[in-house]
Amino acid sequence: MKEKSKKLLEESRKRRTYREFLPDPIDMEVIKNCVLTAGTAPNGADKQPWHFSIVTDPAMKAKIREEAEKVEKKFYESKITAEWQADLDKLDVNWEKPFLTQAPCLIVIFKEWYKTLEDGTKDQNYYVNESIGISIGFLINALRNAGLASLTYTPAPPTFLRTLLGRPEEETPVMVLVVGKPDPNYKLPILKKKSFEEIAEII
């Protein structure tokens, strides 16, 4: 058990967020397996309150980028605080999101508050935020395990994604997971993860 836990820790430490990707296509069976892995996550009352829209069509990726950059430009010009901007400076990010068209695959993740049944009644879901968060964690690690890089991208507000992808009103978009093979020429920022003592305690 100790060796298995140590091996997973060592592998997980290799995971980095990339913002530049190679255009190489991805085997869709790999993506399917990773999404199914996300679907094994624990969730409220086993309602599995999630939906994953897998986007590979260049035209749809272009539409997503266009709408995303509209909301991002507004955010960076009038909504972001100086403190927030300072925290982002080390990551060298701005309102332009070229990775949305550069990466071969976008996984748009929705959380489902309820499901409308055939008779029109609402079948309520529970602990939706907690459930979707766990599921996304499973998905990111599954992609890493398969040898793919990912980027968690959260446009604010993200509601345009529901419109573009034709999802029902009972679903709210959470994020776009940008997926592909990492560009080896991308210069990763220097980051340091907190130690065990900084994030945990044993009581």
N, C-alpha and C. Protein backbone atom coordinates (compact mmCIF):
# COMPACT_ATOMS: atom_id res chain seq x y z
N MET A 1 0.82 -1.21 0.00
CA MET A 1 0.00 0.00 0.00
C MET A 1 0.85 1.25 0.00
N LYS A 2 1.92 1.22 0.81
CA LYS A 2 2.80 2.38 0.90
C LYS A 2 3.47 2.66 -0.45
N GLU A 3 3.92 1.59 -1.09
CA GLU A 3 4.60 1.76 -2.38
C GLU A 3 3.63 2.26 -3.44
N LYS A 4 2.40 1.73 -3.45
CA LYS A 4 1.41 2.17 -4.42
C LYS A 4 1.07 3.65 -4.23
N SER A 5 0.92 4.05 -2.96
CA SER A 5 0.58 5.45 -2.69
C SER A 5 1.73 6.37 -3.08
N LYS A 6 2.95 5.92 -2.86
CA LYS A 6 4.12 6.72 -3.22
C LYS A 6 4.26 6.85 -4.73
N LYS A 7 3.97 5.76 -5.44
CA LYS A 7 4.07 5.79 -6.90
C LYS A 7 3.05 6.75 -7.50
N LEU A 8 1.81 6.72 -6.97
CA LEU A 8 0.79 7.63 -7.48
C LEU A 8 1.17 9.08 -7.18
N LEU A 9 1.72 9.33 -6.00
CA LEU A 9 2.17 10.68 -5.65
C LEU A 9 3.23 11.15 -6.62
N GLU A 10 4.21 10.31 -6.90
CA GLU A 10 5.29 10.68 -7.82
C GLU A 10 4.76 10.98 -9.21
N GLU A 11 3.82 10.16 -9.68
CA GLU A 11 3.23 10.38 -10.99
C GLU A 11 2.38 11.65 -11.02
N SER A 12 1.62 11.87 -9.96
CA SER A 12 0.75 13.04 -9.90
C SER A 12 1.55 14.34 -9.86
N ARG A 13 2.72 14.30 -9.25
CA ARG A 13 3.57 15.49 -9.20
C ARG A 13 4.08 15.89 -10.58
N LYS A 14 4.02 14.97 -11.53
CA LYS A 14 4.46 15.27 -12.89
C LYS A 14 3.39 16.03 -13.67
N ARG A 15 2.16 16.01 -13.16
CA ARG A 15 1.07 16.69 -13.86
C ARG A 15 1.28 18.20 -13.81
N ARG A 16 1.22 18.82 -14.98
CA ARG A 16 1.33 20.27 -15.08
C ARG A 16 0.24 20.79 -16.00
N THR A 17 -0.15 22.03 -15.77
CA THR A 17 -1.14 22.66 -16.62
C THR A 17 -0.44 23.30 -17.82
N TYR A 18 -0.81 22.87 -19.01
CA TYR A 18 -0.24 23.42 -20.24
C TYR A 18 -1.23 24.38 -20.89
N ARG A 19 -0.71 25.43 -21.51
CA ARG A 19 -1.54 26.38 -22.24
C ARG A 19 -1.22 26.40 -23.73
N GLU A 20 -0.33 25.49 -24.13
CA GLU A 20 -0.02 25.32 -25.54
C GLU A 20 0.01 23.83 -25.84
N PHE A 21 -0.63 23.46 -26.95
CA PHE A 21 -0.79 22.05 -27.28
C PHE A 21 -0.36 21.77 -28.71
N LEU A 22 0.04 20.52 -28.95
CA LEU A 22 0.29 20.08 -30.31
C LEU A 22 -1.05 19.80 -30.99
N PRO A 23 -1.12 19.99 -32.31
CA PRO A 23 -2.40 19.77 -33.01
C PRO A 23 -2.71 18.29 -33.24
N ASP A 24 -1.84 17.40 -32.81
CA ASP A 24 -2.02 15.96 -33.07
C ASP A 24 -3.39 15.49 -32.57
N PRO A 25 -4.11 14.72 -33.39
CA PRO A 25 -5.41 14.20 -32.95
C PRO A 25 -5.24 13.20 -31.81
N ILE A 26 -6.33 13.00 -31.06
CA ILE A 26 -6.32 12.08 -29.93
C ILE A 26 -7.23 10.91 -30.25
N ASP A 27 -6.82 9.73 -29.85
CA ASP A 27 -7.65 8.53 -29.99
C ASP A 27 -8.90 8.72 -29.11
N MET A 28 -10.07 8.72 -29.74
CA MET A 28 -11.30 9.00 -29.01
C MET A 28 -11.63 7.91 -28.00
N GLU A 29 -11.10 6.72 -28.18
CA GLU A 29 -11.31 5.67 -27.19
C GLU A 29 -10.64 6.04 -25.86
N VAL A 30 -9.51 6.72 -25.96
CA VAL A 30 -8.82 7.18 -24.75
C VAL A 30 -9.68 8.19 -24.01
N ILE A 31 -10.24 9.14 -24.76
CA ILE A 31 -11.11 10.15 -24.15
C ILE A 31 -12.34 9.50 -23.53
N LYS A 32 -12.94 8.56 -24.24
CA LYS A 32 -14.12 7.86 -23.71
C LYS A 32 -13.79 7.15 -22.40
N ASN A 33 -12.65 6.46 -22.37
CA ASN A 33 -12.26 5.76 -21.16
C ASN A 33 -12.06 6.73 -20.00
N CYS A 34 -11.47 7.87 -20.29
CA CYS A 34 -11.22 8.86 -19.23
C CYS A 34 -12.54 9.45 -18.71
N VAL A 35 -13.47 9.72 -19.62
CA VAL A 35 -14.78 10.25 -19.21
C VAL A 35 -15.54 9.20 -18.41
N LEU A 36 -15.47 7.94 -18.82
CA LEU A 36 -16.13 6.89 -18.05
C LEU A 36 -15.50 6.74 -16.67
N THR A 37 -14.19 6.98 -16.58
CA THR A 37 -13.52 6.99 -15.28
C THR A 37 -14.09 8.10 -14.41
N ALA A 38 -14.29 9.28 -15.00
CA ALA A 38 -14.90 10.39 -14.27
C ALA A 38 -16.28 10.01 -13.78
N GLY A 39 -16.98 9.20 -14.56
CA GLY A 39 -18.32 8.77 -14.20
C GLY A 39 -18.37 7.79 -13.05
N THR A 40 -17.21 7.29 -12.61
CA THR A 40 -17.18 6.39 -11.45
C THR A 40 -17.07 7.15 -10.13
N ALA A 41 -16.99 8.46 -10.19
CA ALA A 41 -16.80 9.27 -8.98
C ALA A 41 -17.98 9.14 -8.03
N PRO A 42 -17.73 9.18 -6.72
CA PRO A 42 -18.84 9.19 -5.76
C PRO A 42 -19.66 10.46 -5.93
N ASN A 43 -20.98 10.35 -5.69
CA ASN A 43 -21.86 11.49 -5.92
C ASN A 43 -23.13 11.34 -5.10
N GLY A 44 -23.84 12.44 -4.94
CA GLY A 44 -25.02 12.48 -4.10
C GLY A 44 -26.13 11.54 -4.58
N ALA A 45 -26.51 10.58 -3.72
CA ALA A 45 -27.61 9.65 -3.99
C ALA A 45 -27.45 8.89 -5.31
N ASP A 46 -26.22 8.78 -5.78
CA ASP A 46 -25.92 8.10 -7.05
C ASP A 46 -26.73 8.65 -8.21
N LYS A 47 -26.98 9.97 -8.20
CA LYS A 47 -27.70 10.60 -9.30
C LYS A 47 -26.79 10.91 -10.49
N GLN A 48 -25.46 10.89 -10.26
CA GLN A 48 -24.48 11.14 -11.32
C GLN A 48 -24.83 12.42 -12.10
N PRO A 49 -24.78 13.56 -11.41
CA PRO A 49 -25.30 14.82 -11.98
C PRO A 49 -24.31 15.55 -12.89
N TRP A 50 -23.92 14.89 -13.96
CA TRP A 50 -22.93 15.50 -14.85
C TRP A 50 -23.19 15.16 -16.31
N HIS A 51 -22.66 16.03 -17.16
CA HIS A 51 -22.68 15.77 -18.60
C HIS A 51 -21.38 16.30 -19.19
N PHE A 52 -20.79 15.55 -20.11
CA PHE A 52 -19.52 15.92 -20.73
C PHE A 52 -19.73 16.06 -22.24
N SER A 53 -19.62 17.29 -22.76
CA SER A 53 -19.70 17.52 -24.19
C SER A 53 -18.28 17.53 -24.75
N ILE A 54 -17.97 16.54 -25.56
CA ILE A 54 -16.62 16.39 -26.12
C ILE A 54 -16.59 17.05 -27.49
N VAL A 55 -15.82 18.11 -27.62
CA VAL A 55 -15.81 18.93 -28.83
C VAL A 55 -14.49 18.76 -29.58
N THR A 56 -14.57 18.25 -30.79
CA THR A 56 -13.39 18.14 -31.65
C THR A 56 -13.58 18.88 -32.97
N ASP A 57 -14.81 19.27 -33.27
CA ASP A 57 -15.12 19.97 -34.52
C ASP A 57 -14.46 21.36 -34.54
N PRO A 58 -13.61 21.64 -35.52
CA PRO A 58 -12.91 22.93 -35.56
C PRO A 58 -13.85 24.14 -35.56
N ALA A 59 -14.98 24.03 -36.26
CA ALA A 59 -15.92 25.16 -36.34
C ALA A 59 -16.52 25.45 -34.96
N MET A 60 -16.88 24.40 -34.23
CA MET A 60 -17.44 24.62 -32.89
C MET A 60 -16.38 25.14 -31.93
N LYS A 61 -15.17 24.65 -32.06
CA LYS A 61 -14.09 25.16 -31.20
C LYS A 61 -13.87 26.65 -31.47
N ALA A 62 -13.97 27.04 -32.73
CA ALA A 62 -13.81 28.46 -33.09
C ALA A 62 -14.92 29.31 -32.49
N LYS A 63 -16.15 28.79 -32.50
CA LYS A 63 -17.27 29.52 -31.89
C LYS A 63 -17.07 29.67 -30.39
N ILE A 64 -16.63 28.60 -29.75
CA ILE A 64 -16.38 28.64 -28.30
C ILE A 64 -15.31 29.67 -27.98
N ARG A 65 -14.24 29.68 -28.78
CA ARG A 65 -13.17 30.65 -28.55
C ARG A 65 -13.68 32.08 -28.73
N GLU A 66 -14.45 32.30 -29.79
CA GLU A 66 -14.96 33.65 -30.07
C GLU A 66 -15.81 34.17 -28.90
N GLU A 67 -16.72 33.35 -28.41
CA GLU A 67 -17.59 33.78 -27.31
C GLU A 67 -16.81 33.89 -26.01
N ALA A 68 -15.86 32.99 -25.81
CA ALA A 68 -15.05 33.04 -24.59
C ALA A 68 -14.22 34.32 -24.53
N GLU A 69 -13.64 34.70 -25.64
CA GLU A 69 -12.80 35.90 -25.65
C GLU A 69 -13.63 37.17 -25.46
N LYS A 70 -14.88 37.14 -25.86
CA LYS A 70 -15.75 38.29 -25.61
C LYS A 70 -15.92 38.52 -24.10
N VAL A 71 -16.26 37.43 -23.37
CA VAL A 71 -16.48 37.59 -21.93
C VAL A 71 -15.16 37.83 -21.20
N GLU A 72 -14.08 37.24 -21.70
CA GLU A 72 -12.78 37.43 -21.05
C GLU A 72 -12.28 38.86 -21.23
N LYS A 73 -12.49 39.43 -22.41
CA LYS A 73 -12.03 40.80 -22.66
C LYS A 73 -12.75 41.76 -21.72
N LYS A 74 -14.05 41.55 -21.55
CA LYS A 74 -14.82 42.38 -20.63
C LYS A 74 -14.34 42.21 -19.19
N PHE A 75 -14.03 40.97 -18.84
CA PHE A 75 -13.55 40.68 -17.48
C PHE A 75 -12.22 41.38 -17.21
N TYR A 76 -11.26 41.24 -18.13
CA TYR A 76 -9.94 41.82 -17.92
C TYR A 76 -9.96 43.35 -17.99
N GLU A 77 -10.90 43.90 -18.73
CA GLU A 77 -10.94 45.36 -18.87
C GLU A 77 -11.70 46.05 -17.75
N SER A 78 -12.70 45.38 -17.16
CA SER A 78 -13.53 46.11 -16.20
C SER A 78 -13.88 45.39 -14.91
N LYS A 79 -13.58 44.09 -14.81
CA LYS A 79 -14.02 43.36 -13.63
C LYS A 79 -12.91 42.84 -12.73
N ILE A 80 -11.75 42.53 -13.29
CA ILE A 80 -10.68 41.93 -12.51
C ILE A 80 -10.10 42.94 -11.52
N THR A 81 -9.80 42.47 -10.31
CA THR A 81 -9.19 43.35 -9.31
C THR A 81 -7.68 43.37 -9.50
N ALA A 82 -7.05 44.40 -8.96
CA ALA A 82 -5.59 44.53 -9.07
C ALA A 82 -4.90 43.35 -8.39
N GLU A 83 -5.46 42.92 -7.25
CA GLU A 83 -4.86 41.79 -6.53
C GLU A 83 -4.94 40.51 -7.35
N TRP A 84 -6.10 40.29 -7.98
CA TRP A 84 -6.28 39.10 -8.81
C TRP A 84 -5.33 39.13 -9.99
N GLN A 85 -5.20 40.29 -10.63
CA GLN A 85 -4.31 40.43 -11.78
C GLN A 85 -2.87 40.14 -11.37
N ALA A 86 -2.47 40.63 -10.19
CA ALA A 86 -1.11 40.39 -9.71
C ALA A 86 -0.86 38.90 -9.51
N ASP A 87 -1.86 38.20 -9.00
CA ASP A 87 -1.71 36.76 -8.79
C ASP A 87 -1.61 36.01 -10.12
N LEU A 88 -2.24 36.55 -11.18
CA LEU A 88 -2.21 35.89 -12.49
C LEU A 88 -0.96 36.21 -13.29
N ASP A 89 -0.26 37.27 -12.90
CA ASP A 89 0.89 37.71 -13.69
C ASP A 89 1.94 36.62 -13.85
N LYS A 90 2.12 35.81 -12.81
CA LYS A 90 3.14 34.76 -12.89
C LYS A 90 2.79 33.67 -13.90
N LEU A 91 1.51 33.64 -14.31
CA LEU A 91 1.06 32.63 -15.27
C LEU A 91 1.01 33.16 -16.70
N ASP A 92 1.22 34.48 -16.85
CA ASP A 92 1.26 35.10 -18.18
C ASP A 92 -0.01 34.79 -18.98
N VAL A 93 -1.16 35.15 -18.40
CA VAL A 93 -2.44 34.92 -19.08
C VAL A 93 -3.14 36.24 -19.33
N ASN A 94 -3.99 36.26 -20.35
CA ASN A 94 -4.79 37.45 -20.66
C ASN A 94 -6.11 37.01 -21.28
N TRP A 95 -6.82 37.93 -21.91
CA TRP A 95 -8.16 37.61 -22.43
C TRP A 95 -8.14 36.74 -23.68
N GLU A 96 -7.01 36.65 -24.33
CA GLU A 96 -6.90 35.83 -25.54
C GLU A 96 -6.75 34.35 -25.16
N LYS A 97 -7.50 33.48 -25.82
CA LYS A 97 -7.51 32.06 -25.47
C LYS A 97 -7.23 31.17 -26.70
N PRO A 98 -6.04 31.26 -27.27
CA PRO A 98 -5.74 30.49 -28.48
C PRO A 98 -5.79 28.98 -28.27
N PHE A 99 -5.60 28.54 -27.04
CA PHE A 99 -5.60 27.09 -26.79
C PHE A 99 -6.95 26.46 -27.11
N LEU A 100 -8.01 27.26 -27.15
CA LEU A 100 -9.34 26.71 -27.42
C LEU A 100 -9.48 26.20 -28.85
N THR A 101 -8.70 26.76 -29.75
CA THR A 101 -8.72 26.28 -31.14
C THR A 101 -7.46 25.46 -31.46
N GLN A 102 -6.44 25.61 -30.65
CA GLN A 102 -5.19 24.90 -30.89
C GLN A 102 -5.28 23.44 -30.46
N ALA A 103 -5.85 23.19 -29.30
CA ALA A 103 -5.94 21.82 -28.77
C ALA A 103 -6.91 20.99 -29.60
N PRO A 104 -6.66 19.71 -29.75
CA PRO A 104 -7.54 18.87 -30.57
C PRO A 104 -8.88 18.54 -29.91
N CYS A 105 -8.97 18.71 -28.60
CA CYS A 105 -10.17 18.28 -27.91
C CYS A 105 -10.52 19.21 -26.75
N LEU A 106 -11.79 19.59 -26.68
CA LEU A 106 -12.31 20.34 -25.54
C LEU A 106 -13.39 19.48 -24.88
N ILE A 107 -13.32 19.34 -23.59
CA ILE A 107 -14.38 18.64 -22.85
C ILE A 107 -15.11 19.70 -22.02
N VAL A 108 -16.32 20.03 -22.44
CA VAL A 108 -17.11 21.03 -21.73
C VAL A 108 -17.94 20.28 -20.68
N ILE A 109 -17.76 20.65 -19.43
CA ILE A 109 -18.35 19.90 -18.32
C ILE A 109 -19.53 20.68 -17.74
N PHE A 110 -20.65 19.98 -17.63
CA PHE A 110 -21.87 20.57 -17.10
C PHE A 110 -22.27 19.86 -15.81
N LYS A 111 -22.79 20.63 -14.86
CA LYS A 111 -23.40 20.01 -13.68
C LYS A 111 -24.92 20.06 -13.86
N GLU A 112 -25.57 18.99 -13.45
CA GLU A 112 -27.00 18.84 -13.67
C GLU A 112 -27.73 19.00 -12.33
N TRP A 113 -28.55 20.03 -12.21
CA TRP A 113 -29.28 20.30 -10.97
C TRP A 113 -30.47 19.36 -10.81
N TYR A 114 -31.10 19.02 -11.91
CA TYR A 114 -32.24 18.10 -11.89
C TYR A 114 -32.41 17.55 -13.30
N LYS A 115 -33.21 16.51 -13.42
CA LYS A 115 -33.51 15.96 -14.74
C LYS A 115 -35.02 16.04 -14.96
N THR A 116 -35.42 16.53 -16.10
CA THR A 116 -36.83 16.61 -16.43
C THR A 116 -37.30 15.27 -17.00
N LEU A 117 -38.25 14.63 -16.31
CA LEU A 117 -38.74 13.33 -16.73
C LEU A 117 -39.77 13.48 -17.87
N GLU A 118 -40.15 12.36 -18.46
CA GLU A 118 -41.06 12.39 -19.61
C GLU A 118 -42.41 13.03 -19.27
N ASP A 119 -42.83 12.90 -18.01
CA ASP A 119 -44.12 13.48 -17.62
C ASP A 119 -44.01 14.95 -17.21
N GLY A 120 -42.80 15.50 -17.35
CA GLY A 120 -42.59 16.91 -17.05
C GLY A 120 -42.16 17.21 -15.63
N THR A 121 -42.16 16.21 -14.76
CA THR A 121 -41.74 16.44 -13.37
C THR A 121 -40.22 16.52 -13.29
N LYS A 122 -39.73 17.17 -12.22
CA LYS A 122 -38.30 17.34 -12.03
C LYS A 122 -37.76 16.31 -11.04
N ASP A 123 -36.77 15.56 -11.48
CA ASP A 123 -36.09 14.59 -10.63
C ASP A 123 -34.85 15.27 -10.06
N GLN A 124 -34.91 15.63 -8.78
CA GLN A 124 -33.90 16.48 -8.14
C GLN A 124 -32.58 15.74 -7.92
N ASN A 125 -31.47 16.44 -8.10
CA ASN A 125 -30.15 15.92 -7.76
C ASN A 125 -29.66 16.55 -6.46
N TYR A 126 -28.68 15.89 -5.82
CA TYR A 126 -28.21 16.34 -4.51
C TYR A 126 -26.68 16.48 -4.51
N TYR A 127 -26.18 17.39 -3.67
CA TYR A 127 -24.74 17.62 -3.55
C TYR A 127 -24.09 17.73 -4.93
N VAL A 128 -24.70 18.55 -5.75
CA VAL A 128 -24.26 18.66 -7.15
C VAL A 128 -22.86 19.25 -7.25
N ASN A 129 -22.59 20.33 -6.51
CA ASN A 129 -21.26 20.96 -6.60
C ASN A 129 -20.16 20.01 -6.13
N GLU A 130 -20.43 19.32 -5.03
CA GLU A 130 -19.43 18.38 -4.52
C GLU A 130 -19.21 17.24 -5.50
N SER A 131 -20.30 16.73 -6.06
CA SER A 131 -20.22 15.59 -6.98
C SER A 131 -19.43 15.93 -8.24
N ILE A 132 -19.73 17.10 -8.83
CA ILE A 132 -19.05 17.47 -10.07
C ILE A 132 -17.57 17.75 -9.82
N GLY A 133 -17.26 18.31 -8.66
CA GLY A 133 -15.85 18.59 -8.33
C GLY A 133 -15.04 17.31 -8.24
N ILE A 134 -15.61 16.30 -7.57
CA ILE A 134 -14.90 15.02 -7.46
C ILE A 134 -14.72 14.39 -8.84
N SER A 135 -15.77 14.44 -9.65
CA SER A 135 -15.73 13.84 -10.97
C SER A 135 -14.66 14.49 -11.85
N ILE A 136 -14.56 15.82 -11.78
CA ILE A 136 -13.55 16.52 -12.57
C ILE A 136 -12.15 16.11 -12.13
N GLY A 137 -11.95 15.95 -10.83
CA GLY A 137 -10.66 15.49 -10.33
C GLY A 137 -10.29 14.12 -10.88
N PHE A 138 -11.28 13.23 -10.90
CA PHE A 138 -11.05 11.90 -11.48
C PHE A 138 -10.65 12.03 -12.95
N LEU A 139 -11.35 12.91 -13.68
CA LEU A 139 -11.10 13.06 -15.12
C LEU A 139 -9.70 13.60 -15.39
N ILE A 140 -9.30 14.62 -14.65
CA ILE A 140 -7.97 15.20 -14.85
C ILE A 140 -6.88 14.16 -14.60
N ASN A 141 -7.04 13.37 -13.54
CA ASN A 141 -6.01 12.38 -13.25
C ASN A 141 -6.03 11.23 -14.26
N ALA A 142 -7.23 10.90 -14.78
CA ALA A 142 -7.31 9.86 -15.81
C ALA A 142 -6.60 10.31 -17.09
N LEU A 143 -6.78 11.58 -17.46
CA LEU A 143 -6.11 12.12 -18.64
C LEU A 143 -4.59 12.12 -18.44
N ARG A 144 -4.16 12.53 -17.26
CA ARG A 144 -2.72 12.52 -16.95
C ARG A 144 -2.17 11.11 -17.05
N ASN A 145 -2.91 10.15 -16.49
CA ASN A 145 -2.49 8.76 -16.51
C ASN A 145 -2.36 8.22 -17.93
N ALA A 146 -3.19 8.75 -18.84
CA ALA A 146 -3.16 8.31 -20.24
C ALA A 146 -2.07 9.01 -21.04
N GLY A 147 -1.38 9.96 -20.43
CA GLY A 147 -0.29 10.65 -21.11
C GLY A 147 -0.70 11.94 -21.80
N LEU A 148 -1.89 12.45 -21.46
CA LEU A 148 -2.37 13.69 -22.06
C LEU A 148 -2.24 14.85 -21.08
N ALA A 149 -2.10 16.05 -21.63
CA ALA A 149 -2.07 17.26 -20.82
C ALA A 149 -3.45 17.89 -20.84
N SER A 150 -3.76 18.66 -19.79
CA SER A 150 -5.05 19.32 -19.74
C SER A 150 -4.92 20.70 -19.11
N LEU A 151 -5.91 21.52 -19.38
CA LEU A 151 -5.98 22.87 -18.83
C LEU A 151 -7.42 23.10 -18.37
N THR A 152 -7.59 23.46 -17.12
CA THR A 152 -8.93 23.79 -16.62
C THR A 152 -9.19 25.26 -16.92
N TYR A 153 -10.17 25.49 -17.78
CA TYR A 153 -10.49 26.86 -18.20
C TYR A 153 -11.91 27.19 -17.78
N THR A 154 -12.07 28.27 -17.03
CA THR A 154 -13.38 28.65 -16.50
C THR A 154 -13.74 30.07 -16.91
N PRO A 155 -14.38 30.23 -18.08
CA PRO A 155 -14.83 31.57 -18.48
C PRO A 155 -15.90 32.07 -17.53
N ALA A 156 -15.92 33.37 -17.31
CA ALA A 156 -16.91 33.95 -16.38
C ALA A 156 -17.61 35.13 -17.02
N PRO A 157 -18.92 35.01 -17.27
CA PRO A 157 -19.77 33.84 -17.00
C PRO A 157 -19.65 32.80 -18.11
N PRO A 158 -19.94 31.53 -17.78
CA PRO A 158 -19.79 30.46 -18.77
C PRO A 158 -21.08 30.08 -19.49
N THR A 159 -22.16 30.83 -19.27
CA THR A 159 -23.48 30.41 -19.75
C THR A 159 -23.57 30.27 -21.27
N PHE A 160 -22.71 30.96 -22.02
CA PHE A 160 -22.74 30.86 -23.48
C PHE A 160 -22.49 29.42 -23.94
N LEU A 161 -21.80 28.65 -23.11
CA LEU A 161 -21.49 27.27 -23.48
C LEU A 161 -22.76 26.42 -23.56
N ARG A 162 -23.70 26.67 -22.66
CA ARG A 162 -24.97 25.93 -22.69
C ARG A 162 -25.72 26.23 -23.99
N THR A 163 -25.71 27.50 -24.39
CA THR A 163 -26.40 27.90 -25.62
C THR A 163 -25.74 27.29 -26.85
N LEU A 164 -24.41 27.41 -26.93
CA LEU A 164 -23.69 26.91 -28.10
C LEU A 164 -23.85 25.41 -28.27
N LEU A 165 -23.85 24.68 -27.15
CA LEU A 165 -23.87 23.23 -27.23
C LEU A 165 -25.27 22.64 -27.07
N GLY A 166 -26.27 23.52 -26.96
CA GLY A 166 -27.65 23.06 -26.93
C GLY A 166 -28.02 22.22 -25.73
N ARG A 167 -27.47 22.55 -24.57
CA ARG A 167 -27.78 21.80 -23.37
C ARG A 167 -29.01 22.39 -22.68
N PRO A 168 -29.75 21.58 -21.93
CA PRO A 168 -30.99 22.04 -21.31
C PRO A 168 -30.75 22.99 -20.14
N GLU A 169 -31.80 23.71 -19.73
CA GLU A 169 -31.67 24.74 -18.69
C GLU A 169 -31.35 24.15 -17.32
N GLU A 170 -31.60 22.85 -17.14
CA GLU A 170 -31.27 22.25 -15.84
C GLU A 170 -29.79 21.98 -15.66
N GLU A 171 -29.01 22.26 -16.69
CA GLU A 171 -27.56 22.08 -16.61
C GLU A 171 -26.85 23.43 -16.62
N THR A 172 -25.79 23.52 -15.83
CA THR A 172 -24.97 24.73 -15.78
C THR A 172 -23.54 24.36 -16.16
N PRO A 173 -22.94 25.07 -17.13
CA PRO A 173 -21.55 24.77 -17.48
C PRO A 173 -20.61 25.13 -16.33
N VAL A 174 -19.66 24.26 -16.07
CA VAL A 174 -18.71 24.46 -14.98
C VAL A 174 -17.36 24.91 -15.52
N MET A 175 -16.87 24.22 -16.53
CA MET A 175 -15.57 24.57 -17.10
C MET A 175 -15.37 23.90 -18.44
N VAL A 176 -14.34 24.36 -19.13
CA VAL A 176 -13.85 23.69 -20.33
C VAL A 176 -12.53 23.04 -19.96
N LEU A 177 -12.45 21.74 -20.14
CA LEU A 177 -11.18 21.05 -19.94
C LEU A 177 -10.53 20.91 -21.31
N VAL A 178 -9.44 21.64 -21.50
CA VAL A 178 -8.72 21.65 -22.78
C VAL A 178 -7.73 20.48 -22.76
N VAL A 179 -7.78 19.63 -23.77
CA VAL A 179 -7.03 18.37 -23.72
C VAL A 179 -6.22 18.16 -24.99
N GLY A 180 -4.99 17.69 -24.81
CA GLY A 180 -4.17 17.36 -25.96
C GLY A 180 -2.78 16.92 -25.53
N LYS A 181 -1.92 16.74 -26.51
CA LYS A 181 -0.53 16.43 -26.21
C LYS A 181 0.19 17.75 -25.96
N PRO A 182 0.97 17.84 -24.90
CA PRO A 182 1.60 19.11 -24.56
C PRO A 182 2.66 19.53 -25.57
N ASP A 183 2.70 20.82 -25.85
CA ASP A 183 3.75 21.36 -26.72
C ASP A 183 5.05 21.40 -25.91
N PRO A 184 6.08 20.65 -26.32
CA PRO A 184 7.33 20.61 -25.55
C PRO A 184 8.06 21.95 -25.50
N ASN A 185 7.69 22.87 -26.38
CA ASN A 185 8.33 24.19 -26.39
C ASN A 185 7.67 25.18 -25.44
N TYR A 186 6.53 24.77 -24.84
CA TYR A 186 5.84 25.67 -23.90
C TYR A 186 6.67 25.81 -22.63
N LYS A 187 6.90 27.05 -22.22
CA LYS A 187 7.70 27.31 -21.03
C LYS A 187 6.79 27.29 -19.81
N LEU A 188 6.90 26.23 -19.03
CA LEU A 188 6.07 26.10 -17.85
C LEU A 188 6.48 27.10 -16.78
N PRO A 189 5.53 27.75 -16.12
CA PRO A 189 5.88 28.65 -15.03
C PRO A 189 6.47 27.87 -13.86
N ILE A 190 7.31 28.52 -13.09
CA ILE A 190 7.93 27.88 -11.92
C ILE A 190 6.96 28.00 -10.75
N LEU A 191 6.44 26.86 -10.32
CA LEU A 191 5.48 26.84 -9.23
C LEU A 191 5.95 25.87 -8.16
N LYS A 192 5.50 26.08 -6.94
CA LYS A 192 5.87 25.20 -5.83
C LYS A 192 4.62 24.79 -5.07
N LYS A 193 4.39 23.48 -4.97
CA LYS A 193 3.24 22.99 -4.23
C LYS A 193 3.51 23.07 -2.73
N LYS A 194 2.46 23.28 -1.97
CA LYS A 194 2.60 23.35 -0.52
C LYS A 194 2.98 21.99 0.05
N SER A 195 3.64 22.00 1.19
CA SER A 195 4.06 20.77 1.86
C SER A 195 2.87 20.14 2.59
N PHE A 196 3.07 18.94 3.08
CA PHE A 196 2.02 18.27 3.84
C PHE A 196 1.63 19.10 5.06
N GLU A 197 2.63 19.65 5.75
CA GLU A 197 2.36 20.44 6.96
C GLU A 197 1.57 21.68 6.66
N GLU A 198 1.69 22.22 5.45
CA GLU A 198 0.96 23.43 5.07
C GLU A 198 -0.48 23.16 4.67
N ILE A 199 -0.80 21.93 4.28
CA ILE A 199 -2.16 21.66 3.81
C ILE A 199 -2.93 20.68 4.69
N ALA A 200 -2.27 20.09 5.68
CA ALA A 200 -2.96 19.05 6.45
C ALA A 200 -2.43 18.98 7.87
N GLU A 201 -3.19 18.28 8.70
CA GLU A 201 -2.77 17.98 10.07
C GLU A 201 -3.33 16.62 10.45
N ILE A 202 -2.64 15.95 11.33
CA ILE A 202 -3.09 14.65 11.83
C ILE A 202 -3.51 14.85 13.28
N ILE A 203 -4.77 14.57 13.57
CA ILE A 203 -5.31 14.81 14.91
C ILE A 203 -5.56 13.49 15.63
